[in-house]
Amino acid sequence: MSFWEILKAAGVPALLLGLIITTWVQTRAVKRGVQALLRDRLLQGYKYYRAQGWADEDDRTNLENVYVQYHSLGANGVMDNLRKRFLDLPLQPANPTLPAPQMPAAVQPVPAAASSTTQPATTSIK
């Protein structure tokens, strides 16, 4: 066997194995990152609705969907208790005259008009 034949015989499988391992490590990191973001979203949502004192059907559906996706990534049961406490919240406010708590500015959605990029008016001076 020539040097190149030995190199091809050993190099190609090693290259493929390296690509497989790299892809597996990156996929695992992305999965863990998404799981961490979903866990954070569940926790923040629960804290918000607990402070509000209630969560309607749309809120429940939304957070339940986040929980299902989190759980499908191989969750270890950490959020099961939080999910149960969230589902135990009432469907409507106990006293509907009280205002709902305000979300921090960083969490509030930006209105459509404010999110568009507008150019300031320019005037020419002669």
N, C-alpha and C. Protein backbone atom coordinates (compact mmCIF):
# COMPACT_ATOMS: atom_id res chain seq x y z
N MET A 1 0.83 -1.18 0.00
CA MET A 1 0.00 0.00 0.00
C MET A 1 0.88 1.25 0.00
N SER A 2 0.45 2.21 -0.80
CA SER A 2 1.20 3.45 -0.86
C SER A 2 0.76 4.36 0.30
N PHE A 3 1.53 5.39 0.50
CA PHE A 3 1.24 6.36 1.55
C PHE A 3 -0.13 6.99 1.36
N TRP A 4 -0.48 7.34 0.12
CA TRP A 4 -1.76 7.99 -0.16
C TRP A 4 -2.93 7.05 0.08
N GLU A 5 -2.76 5.78 -0.22
CA GLU A 5 -3.82 4.81 0.04
C GLU A 5 -4.07 4.65 1.54
N ILE A 6 -2.99 4.63 2.30
CA ILE A 6 -3.12 4.55 3.77
C ILE A 6 -3.78 5.81 4.31
N LEU A 7 -3.35 6.96 3.79
CA LEU A 7 -3.94 8.23 4.23
C LEU A 7 -5.43 8.29 3.90
N LYS A 8 -5.81 7.87 2.70
CA LYS A 8 -7.23 7.85 2.32
C LYS A 8 -8.01 6.87 3.19
N ALA A 9 -7.42 5.73 3.46
CA ALA A 9 -8.12 4.71 4.25
C ALA A 9 -8.34 5.17 5.69
N ALA A 10 -7.39 5.88 6.25
CA ALA A 10 -7.52 6.34 7.64
C ALA A 10 -8.11 7.74 7.73
N GLY A 11 -7.84 8.59 6.75
CA GLY A 11 -8.24 9.99 6.82
C GLY A 11 -9.72 10.23 6.60
N VAL A 12 -10.32 9.56 5.63
CA VAL A 12 -11.73 9.79 5.32
C VAL A 12 -12.63 9.36 6.48
N PRO A 13 -12.46 8.15 7.04
CA PRO A 13 -13.30 7.80 8.20
C PRO A 13 -13.08 8.73 9.40
N ALA A 14 -11.85 9.13 9.62
CA ALA A 14 -11.57 10.05 10.72
C ALA A 14 -12.24 11.40 10.48
N LEU A 15 -12.22 11.87 9.24
CA LEU A 15 -12.86 13.14 8.91
C LEU A 15 -14.37 13.04 9.12
N LEU A 16 -14.97 11.96 8.65
CA LEU A 16 -16.41 11.77 8.83
C LEU A 16 -16.77 11.67 10.31
N LEU A 17 -15.97 10.94 11.07
CA LEU A 17 -16.22 10.83 12.51
C LEU A 17 -16.11 12.20 13.18
N GLY A 18 -15.14 12.99 12.77
CA GLY A 18 -14.98 14.33 13.33
C GLY A 18 -16.18 15.22 13.01
N LEU A 19 -16.69 15.13 11.78
CA LEU A 19 -17.87 15.90 11.41
C LEU A 19 -19.10 15.46 12.20
N ILE A 20 -19.25 14.17 12.38
CA ILE A 20 -20.39 13.65 13.15
C ILE A 20 -20.32 14.12 14.59
N ILE A 21 -19.17 14.04 15.20
CA ILE A 21 -19.01 14.45 16.60
C ILE A 21 -19.26 15.95 16.73
N THR A 22 -18.70 16.74 15.82
CA THR A 22 -18.90 18.19 15.87
C THR A 22 -20.37 18.55 15.74
N THR A 23 -21.06 17.91 14.80
CA THR A 23 -22.49 18.17 14.61
C THR A 23 -23.28 17.77 15.84
N TRP A 24 -22.95 16.65 16.43
CA TRP A 24 -23.66 16.18 17.63
C TRP A 24 -23.46 17.16 18.79
N VAL A 25 -22.23 17.63 18.98
CA VAL A 25 -21.94 18.56 20.08
C VAL A 25 -22.69 19.88 19.85
N GLN A 26 -22.70 20.38 18.63
CA GLN A 26 -23.39 21.63 18.35
C GLN A 26 -24.91 21.47 18.50
N THR A 27 -25.45 20.36 18.05
CA THR A 27 -26.88 20.11 18.19
C THR A 27 -27.28 20.04 19.65
N ARG A 28 -26.48 19.37 20.45
CA ARG A 28 -26.75 19.27 21.88
C ARG A 28 -26.70 20.65 22.55
N ALA A 29 -25.76 21.49 22.13
CA ALA A 29 -25.66 22.84 22.70
C ALA A 29 -26.87 23.68 22.31
N VAL A 30 -27.32 23.59 21.07
CA VAL A 30 -28.50 24.34 20.64
C VAL A 30 -29.73 23.85 21.40
N LYS A 31 -29.87 22.55 21.55
CA LYS A 31 -31.00 21.99 22.29
C LYS A 31 -31.02 22.49 23.74
N ARG A 32 -29.88 22.49 24.37
CA ARG A 32 -29.81 22.97 25.76
C ARG A 32 -30.08 24.47 25.85
N GLY A 33 -29.62 25.22 24.86
CA GLY A 33 -29.88 26.65 24.85
C GLY A 33 -31.37 26.96 24.68
N VAL A 34 -32.02 26.27 23.74
CA VAL A 34 -33.45 26.46 23.54
C VAL A 34 -34.21 26.05 24.80
N GLN A 35 -33.81 24.95 25.39
CA GLN A 35 -34.46 24.49 26.62
C GLN A 35 -34.31 25.52 27.74
N ALA A 36 -33.15 26.12 27.85
CA ALA A 36 -32.93 27.15 28.87
C ALA A 36 -33.81 28.37 28.62
N LEU A 37 -33.93 28.78 27.35
CA LEU A 37 -34.80 29.92 27.02
C LEU A 37 -36.26 29.61 27.31
N LEU A 38 -36.70 28.41 26.98
CA LEU A 38 -38.09 28.04 27.26
C LEU A 38 -38.34 27.97 28.76
N ARG A 39 -37.38 27.44 29.50
CA ARG A 39 -37.51 27.37 30.96
C ARG A 39 -37.62 28.78 31.54
N ASP A 40 -36.80 29.70 31.03
CA ASP A 40 -36.85 31.08 31.50
C ASP A 40 -38.20 31.72 31.16
N ARG A 41 -38.70 31.46 29.96
CA ARG A 41 -39.99 32.02 29.56
C ARG A 41 -41.11 31.49 30.44
N LEU A 42 -41.06 30.20 30.75
CA LEU A 42 -42.07 29.62 31.64
C LEU A 42 -42.02 30.27 33.02
N LEU A 43 -40.82 30.43 33.54
CA LEU A 43 -40.66 31.02 34.87
C LEU A 43 -41.13 32.47 34.89
N GLN A 44 -40.74 33.25 33.88
CA GLN A 44 -41.15 34.65 33.83
C GLN A 44 -42.67 34.78 33.65
N GLY A 45 -43.23 33.94 32.79
CA GLY A 45 -44.68 33.96 32.60
C GLY A 45 -45.42 33.61 33.87
N TYR A 46 -44.94 32.59 34.57
CA TYR A 46 -45.58 32.20 35.82
C TYR A 46 -45.51 33.33 36.84
N LYS A 47 -44.35 33.95 36.98
CA LYS A 47 -44.21 35.05 37.94
C LYS A 47 -45.16 36.20 37.61
N TYR A 48 -45.29 36.51 36.32
CA TYR A 48 -46.17 37.60 35.92
C TYR A 48 -47.62 37.28 36.27
N TYR A 49 -48.08 36.09 35.88
CA TYR A 49 -49.49 35.74 36.11
C TYR A 49 -49.77 35.48 37.59
N ARG A 50 -48.79 35.03 38.34
CA ARG A 50 -48.97 34.87 39.78
C ARG A 50 -49.16 36.25 40.43
N ALA A 51 -48.36 37.23 40.00
CA ALA A 51 -48.50 38.59 40.53
C ALA A 51 -49.84 39.19 40.12
N GLN A 52 -50.29 38.87 38.92
CA GLN A 52 -51.58 39.35 38.45
C GLN A 52 -52.71 38.67 39.21
N GLY A 53 -52.48 37.42 39.60
CA GLY A 53 -53.48 36.70 40.39
C GLY A 53 -54.41 35.83 39.57
N TRP A 54 -54.30 35.85 38.25
CA TRP A 54 -55.16 35.04 37.39
C TRP A 54 -54.55 34.91 36.00
N ALA A 55 -55.03 33.94 35.25
CA ALA A 55 -54.58 33.74 33.87
C ALA A 55 -55.76 33.19 33.07
N ASP A 56 -56.12 33.88 31.98
CA ASP A 56 -57.28 33.42 31.19
C ASP A 56 -56.88 32.25 30.29
N GLU A 57 -57.83 31.78 29.50
CA GLU A 57 -57.61 30.60 28.65
C GLU A 57 -56.50 30.82 27.63
N ASP A 58 -56.43 32.00 27.04
CA ASP A 58 -55.37 32.28 26.07
C ASP A 58 -53.99 32.23 26.73
N ASP A 59 -53.89 32.79 27.92
CA ASP A 59 -52.63 32.75 28.66
C ASP A 59 -52.23 31.30 28.95
N ARG A 60 -53.20 30.52 29.38
CA ARG A 60 -52.94 29.11 29.70
C ARG A 60 -52.51 28.34 28.45
N THR A 61 -53.20 28.58 27.35
CA THR A 61 -52.85 27.89 26.11
C THR A 61 -51.44 28.24 25.67
N ASN A 62 -51.10 29.51 25.77
CA ASN A 62 -49.77 29.96 25.38
C ASN A 62 -48.68 29.32 26.23
N LEU A 63 -48.80 29.41 27.54
CA LEU A 63 -47.77 28.84 28.40
C LEU A 63 -47.77 27.32 28.36
N GLU A 64 -48.92 26.71 28.14
CA GLU A 64 -48.96 25.25 28.01
C GLU A 64 -48.21 24.81 26.76
N ASN A 65 -48.34 25.57 25.67
CA ASN A 65 -47.60 25.25 24.45
C ASN A 65 -46.10 25.36 24.69
N VAL A 66 -45.67 26.39 25.39
CA VAL A 66 -44.25 26.54 25.72
C VAL A 66 -43.79 25.37 26.57
N TYR A 67 -44.62 24.96 27.54
CA TYR A 67 -44.26 23.82 28.40
C TYR A 67 -44.13 22.53 27.59
N VAL A 68 -45.06 22.29 26.66
CA VAL A 68 -45.01 21.06 25.86
C VAL A 68 -43.72 21.02 25.04
N GLN A 69 -43.34 22.15 24.45
CA GLN A 69 -42.10 22.19 23.66
C GLN A 69 -40.89 22.01 24.57
N TYR A 70 -40.91 22.63 25.72
CA TYR A 70 -39.82 22.46 26.69
C TYR A 70 -39.70 20.99 27.10
N HIS A 71 -40.82 20.39 27.40
CA HIS A 71 -40.83 19.00 27.85
C HIS A 71 -40.39 18.05 26.73
N SER A 72 -40.72 18.37 25.48
CA SER A 72 -40.34 17.51 24.36
C SER A 72 -38.82 17.50 24.13
N LEU A 73 -38.12 18.50 24.66
CA LEU A 73 -36.67 18.53 24.54
C LEU A 73 -35.98 17.66 25.58
N GLY A 74 -36.76 16.93 26.35
CA GLY A 74 -36.16 16.02 27.33
C GLY A 74 -36.02 16.66 28.69
N ALA A 75 -37.02 17.44 29.08
CA ALA A 75 -36.98 18.10 30.38
C ALA A 75 -36.90 17.07 31.49
N ASN A 76 -36.34 17.48 32.60
CA ASN A 76 -36.13 16.56 33.71
C ASN A 76 -37.16 16.72 34.82
N GLY A 77 -38.27 17.36 34.56
CA GLY A 77 -39.32 17.48 35.56
C GLY A 77 -39.21 18.69 36.46
N VAL A 78 -38.24 19.56 36.23
CA VAL A 78 -38.05 20.73 37.08
C VAL A 78 -39.25 21.66 37.01
N MET A 79 -39.86 21.77 35.83
CA MET A 79 -40.94 22.74 35.64
C MET A 79 -42.33 22.13 35.87
N ASP A 80 -42.42 20.86 36.17
CA ASP A 80 -43.73 20.22 36.36
C ASP A 80 -44.51 20.86 37.51
N ASN A 81 -43.85 21.13 38.61
CA ASN A 81 -44.51 21.74 39.77
C ASN A 81 -44.95 23.17 39.44
N LEU A 82 -44.11 23.91 38.74
CA LEU A 82 -44.47 25.27 38.37
C LEU A 82 -45.68 25.27 37.43
N ARG A 83 -45.72 24.33 36.49
CA ARG A 83 -46.85 24.21 35.57
C ARG A 83 -48.13 23.95 36.34
N LYS A 84 -48.07 23.06 37.33
CA LYS A 84 -49.25 22.74 38.13
C LYS A 84 -49.74 23.98 38.88
N ARG A 85 -48.80 24.74 39.48
CA ARG A 85 -49.19 25.95 40.20
C ARG A 85 -49.78 26.99 39.25
N PHE A 86 -49.24 27.07 38.03
CA PHE A 86 -49.78 28.00 37.04
C PHE A 86 -51.21 27.62 36.67
N LEU A 87 -51.44 26.33 36.43
CA LEU A 87 -52.78 25.88 36.05
C LEU A 87 -53.78 26.01 37.19
N ASP A 88 -53.30 26.12 38.42
CA ASP A 88 -54.18 26.32 39.58
C ASP A 88 -54.63 27.78 39.74
N LEU A 89 -54.04 28.70 38.98
CA LEU A 89 -54.46 30.10 39.07
C LEU A 89 -55.90 30.24 38.56
N PRO A 90 -56.66 31.18 39.13
CA PRO A 90 -58.03 31.39 38.65
C PRO A 90 -58.06 31.87 37.20
N LEU A 91 -59.21 31.64 36.54
CA LEU A 91 -59.38 32.03 35.14
C LEU A 91 -59.72 33.51 34.97
N GLN A 92 -60.13 34.15 36.03
CA GLN A 92 -60.48 35.57 35.94
C GLN A 92 -60.08 36.25 37.25
N PRO A 93 -59.94 37.56 37.22
CA PRO A 93 -59.52 38.26 38.44
C PRO A 93 -60.57 38.14 39.53
N ALA A 94 -60.09 38.07 40.76
CA ALA A 94 -61.00 38.01 41.91
C ALA A 94 -61.74 39.34 42.05
N ASN A 95 -61.05 40.44 41.79
CA ASN A 95 -61.64 41.77 41.86
C ASN A 95 -61.36 42.46 40.52
N PRO A 96 -62.29 42.40 39.57
CA PRO A 96 -62.01 42.93 38.23
C PRO A 96 -61.76 44.42 38.16
N THR A 97 -61.99 45.16 39.24
CA THR A 97 -61.75 46.60 39.21
C THR A 97 -60.29 46.95 39.44
N LEU A 98 -59.49 46.01 39.94
CA LEU A 98 -58.07 46.28 40.16
C LEU A 98 -57.32 46.23 38.84
N PRO A 99 -56.38 47.15 38.62
CA PRO A 99 -55.60 47.11 37.38
C PRO A 99 -54.60 45.96 37.40
N ALA A 100 -54.31 45.43 36.24
CA ALA A 100 -53.32 44.35 36.13
C ALA A 100 -51.93 44.95 36.35
N PRO A 101 -50.99 44.16 36.88
CA PRO A 101 -49.63 44.68 37.06
C PRO A 101 -49.01 44.98 35.70
N GLN A 102 -48.16 45.99 35.67
CA GLN A 102 -47.51 46.38 34.43
C GLN A 102 -46.24 45.58 34.22
N MET A 103 -46.02 45.20 32.96
CA MET A 103 -44.79 44.50 32.61
C MET A 103 -43.65 45.52 32.55
N PRO A 104 -42.42 45.08 32.85
CA PRO A 104 -41.28 45.99 32.69
C PRO A 104 -41.19 46.43 31.24
N ALA A 105 -40.64 47.60 30.99
CA ALA A 105 -40.56 48.16 29.64
C ALA A 105 -39.80 47.24 28.70
N ALA A 106 -38.79 46.54 29.21
CA ALA A 106 -37.99 45.66 28.36
C ALA A 106 -38.79 44.47 27.86
N VAL A 107 -39.88 44.11 28.54
CA VAL A 107 -40.67 42.94 28.19
C VAL A 107 -41.88 43.31 27.35
N GLN A 108 -42.35 44.54 27.46
CA GLN A 108 -43.56 44.96 26.76
C GLN A 108 -43.32 44.98 25.26
N PRO A 109 -44.33 44.53 24.48
CA PRO A 109 -44.18 44.58 23.03
C PRO A 109 -44.17 46.02 22.54
N VAL A 110 -43.45 46.25 21.47
CA VAL A 110 -43.36 47.59 20.88
C VAL A 110 -44.54 47.78 19.95
N PRO A 111 -45.27 48.89 20.07
CA PRO A 111 -46.38 49.13 19.15
C PRO A 111 -45.89 49.19 17.71
N ALA A 112 -46.74 48.79 16.77
CA ALA A 112 -46.34 48.71 15.37
C ALA A 112 -45.87 50.06 14.84
N ALA A 113 -46.54 51.13 15.21
CA ALA A 113 -46.15 52.46 14.72
C ALA A 113 -44.78 52.86 15.24
N ALA A 114 -44.45 52.49 16.46
CA ALA A 114 -43.16 52.88 17.05
C ALA A 114 -42.03 52.00 16.54
N SER A 115 -42.36 50.80 16.04
CA SER A 115 -41.30 49.90 15.63
C SER A 115 -40.83 50.14 14.21
N SER A 116 -41.62 50.87 13.42
CA SER A 116 -41.19 51.13 12.05
C SER A 116 -40.07 52.15 12.06
N THR A 117 -39.19 51.99 11.11
CA THR A 117 -38.06 52.92 11.04
C THR A 117 -38.49 54.11 10.20
N THR A 118 -38.52 55.24 10.80
CA THR A 118 -38.89 56.46 10.10
C THR A 118 -37.69 57.37 10.06
N GLN A 119 -37.55 58.03 8.94
CA GLN A 119 -36.46 58.98 8.77
C GLN A 119 -36.93 60.35 9.24
N PRO A 120 -36.11 61.07 9.97
CA PRO A 120 -36.50 62.42 10.37
C PRO A 120 -36.59 63.31 9.13
N ALA A 121 -37.49 64.26 9.20
CA ALA A 121 -37.67 65.18 8.09
C ALA A 121 -36.41 66.02 7.93
N THR A 122 -35.99 66.18 6.70
CA THR A 122 -34.80 66.99 6.46
C THR A 122 -35.22 68.28 5.76
N THR A 123 -34.58 69.34 6.11
CA THR A 123 -34.85 70.62 5.47
C THR A 123 -33.55 71.14 4.90
N SER A 124 -33.65 71.75 3.78
CA SER A 124 -32.43 72.30 3.20
C SER A 124 -32.37 73.79 3.52
N ILE A 125 -31.22 74.22 3.86
CA ILE A 125 -30.99 75.63 4.18
C ILE A 125 -30.28 76.26 3.02
N LYS A 126 -30.83 77.35 2.48
CA LYS A 126 -30.21 78.01 1.32
C LYS A 126 -29.67 79.35 1.68
